Amino acid sequence: PVVRGAAVTRRSILVYTVLLLGVTLTLFVTQALGGLYLAGALGLGTLFVGRAAQLVRLGTTARAWRLFQFSNLYLALLYAIMVLDRVLAALAGLPHGT
């Protein structure tokens, strides 16, 4: 909810999106997932941060709605990449994180 104003909310969204990118990378750093996941998480995360930065600059309701819609796509694609990373690693006989 918007409690302290729209501008503060938009900046908070950007900060949390940057933090989310960092957290998603821990699955690679801890070797839970491999290189495919790293590439996907970096690509999707960079897009997410870019869109959040656009929201901070432009601040329209339409842009906020598009960011929300992208966040749902982001999650679906990130989960699919997680599964694909593990399936391909298993087929190649690789241990976790490779």
Protein backbone atom coordinates (compact mmCIF):
# COMPACT_ATOMS: atom_id res chain seq x y z
CA PRO A 1 0.00 0.00 0.00
CA VAL A 2 1.03 3.55 -0.67
CA VAL A 3 1.49 5.02 2.80
CA ARG A 4 4.25 7.61 2.45
CA GLY A 5 3.51 8.80 -1.07
CA ALA A 6 3.87 7.50 -4.59
CA ALA A 7 7.47 8.67 -5.08
CA VAL A 8 8.66 6.87 -1.93
CA THR A 9 6.78 3.76 -3.00
CA ARG A 10 8.39 3.81 -6.45
CA ARG A 11 11.88 4.18 -4.96
CA SER A 12 11.14 1.34 -2.53
CA ILE A 13 10.12 -0.88 -5.45
CA LEU A 14 13.47 -0.18 -7.11
CA VAL A 15 15.44 -0.91 -3.92
CA TYR A 16 13.58 -4.18 -3.33
CA THR A 17 14.05 -5.20 -6.96
CA VAL A 18 17.82 -4.69 -6.70
CA LEU A 19 17.83 -6.70 -3.46
CA LEU A 20 15.79 -9.42 -5.16
CA LEU A 21 18.40 -9.68 -7.90
CA GLY A 22 21.10 -10.17 -5.30
CA VAL A 23 19.10 -12.82 -3.46
CA THR A 24 18.38 -14.77 -6.64
CA LEU A 25 22.11 -14.98 -7.36
CA THR A 26 22.73 -16.77 -4.06
CA LEU A 27 21.36 -19.98 -5.60
CA PHE A 28 24.32 -19.96 -7.95
CA VAL A 29 26.84 -18.81 -5.34
CA THR A 30 25.78 -21.62 -2.98
CA GLN A 31 26.04 -24.07 -5.91
CA ALA A 32 22.38 -25.04 -5.64
CA LEU A 33 21.95 -24.19 -9.34
CA GLY A 34 24.34 -23.87 -12.27
CA GLY A 35 25.40 -21.62 -15.09
CA LEU A 36 22.13 -21.74 -17.03
CA TYR A 37 20.33 -20.45 -13.95
CA LEU A 38 22.97 -17.75 -13.43
CA ALA A 39 22.53 -16.47 -16.99
CA GLY A 40 18.75 -16.52 -16.73
CA ALA A 41 18.64 -14.90 -13.29
CA LEU A 42 21.03 -12.14 -14.38
CA GLY A 43 19.13 -11.48 -17.60
CA LEU A 44 15.68 -11.47 -16.06
CA GLY A 45 16.88 -9.59 -12.98
CA THR A 46 18.51 -6.90 -15.09
CA LEU A 47 15.29 -6.46 -17.06
CA PHE A 48 13.31 -6.26 -13.81
CA VAL A 49 15.64 -3.63 -12.33
CA GLY A 50 15.52 -1.64 -15.58
CA ARG A 51 11.75 -1.63 -15.59
CA ALA A 52 11.67 -0.61 -11.92
CA ALA A 53 14.07 2.25 -12.71
CA GLN A 54 11.74 3.36 -15.51
CA LEU A 55 8.88 3.38 -13.01
CA VAL A 56 10.90 5.65 -10.71
CA ARG A 57 11.61 8.07 -13.57
CA LEU A 58 8.23 8.07 -15.30
CA GLY A 59 5.91 7.09 -12.45
CA THR A 60 2.71 6.48 -14.37
CA THR A 61 -0.01 4.11 -13.26
CA ALA A 62 0.24 2.33 -16.60
CA ARG A 63 3.97 1.73 -16.08
CA ALA A 64 3.33 0.44 -12.56
CA TRP A 65 0.75 -1.97 -13.93
CA ARG A 66 3.18 -3.19 -16.62
CA LEU A 67 5.85 -3.73 -13.95
CA PHE A 68 3.39 -5.81 -11.94
CA GLN A 69 2.58 -7.89 -14.99
CA PHE A 70 6.28 -8.34 -15.74
CA SER A 71 6.88 -9.45 -12.15
CA ASN A 72 4.51 -12.36 -12.70
CA LEU A 73 6.24 -13.31 -15.94
CA TYR A 74 9.62 -12.93 -14.20
CA LEU A 75 8.65 -15.43 -11.52
CA ALA A 76 7.28 -17.95 -14.00
CA LEU A 77 10.38 -17.73 -16.20
CA LEU A 78 12.78 -17.87 -13.25
CA TYR A 79 11.09 -21.03 -11.94
CA ALA A 80 11.17 -22.58 -15.41
CA ILE A 81 14.89 -21.80 -15.67
CA MET A 82 15.46 -23.43 -12.26
CA VAL A 83 13.78 -26.60 -13.43
CA LEU A 84 15.56 -26.59 -16.80
CA ASP A 85 18.93 -26.04 -15.12
CA ARG A 86 18.42 -29.09 -12.89
CA VAL A 87 16.96 -31.29 -15.63
CA LEU A 88 19.83 -30.57 -18.02
CA ALA A 89 22.40 -31.09 -15.27
CA ALA A 90 20.79 -34.42 -14.33
CA LEU A 91 20.73 -35.57 -17.94
CA ALA A 92 24.42 -34.67 -18.25
CA GLY A 93 25.18 -36.48 -14.98
CA LEU A 94 26.43 -33.30 -13.33
CA PRO A 95 26.17 -32.65 -9.58
CA HIS A 96 24.27 -29.66 -8.22
CA GLY A 97 25.62 -26.25 -9.16
CA THR A 98 27.44 -27.17 -12.34
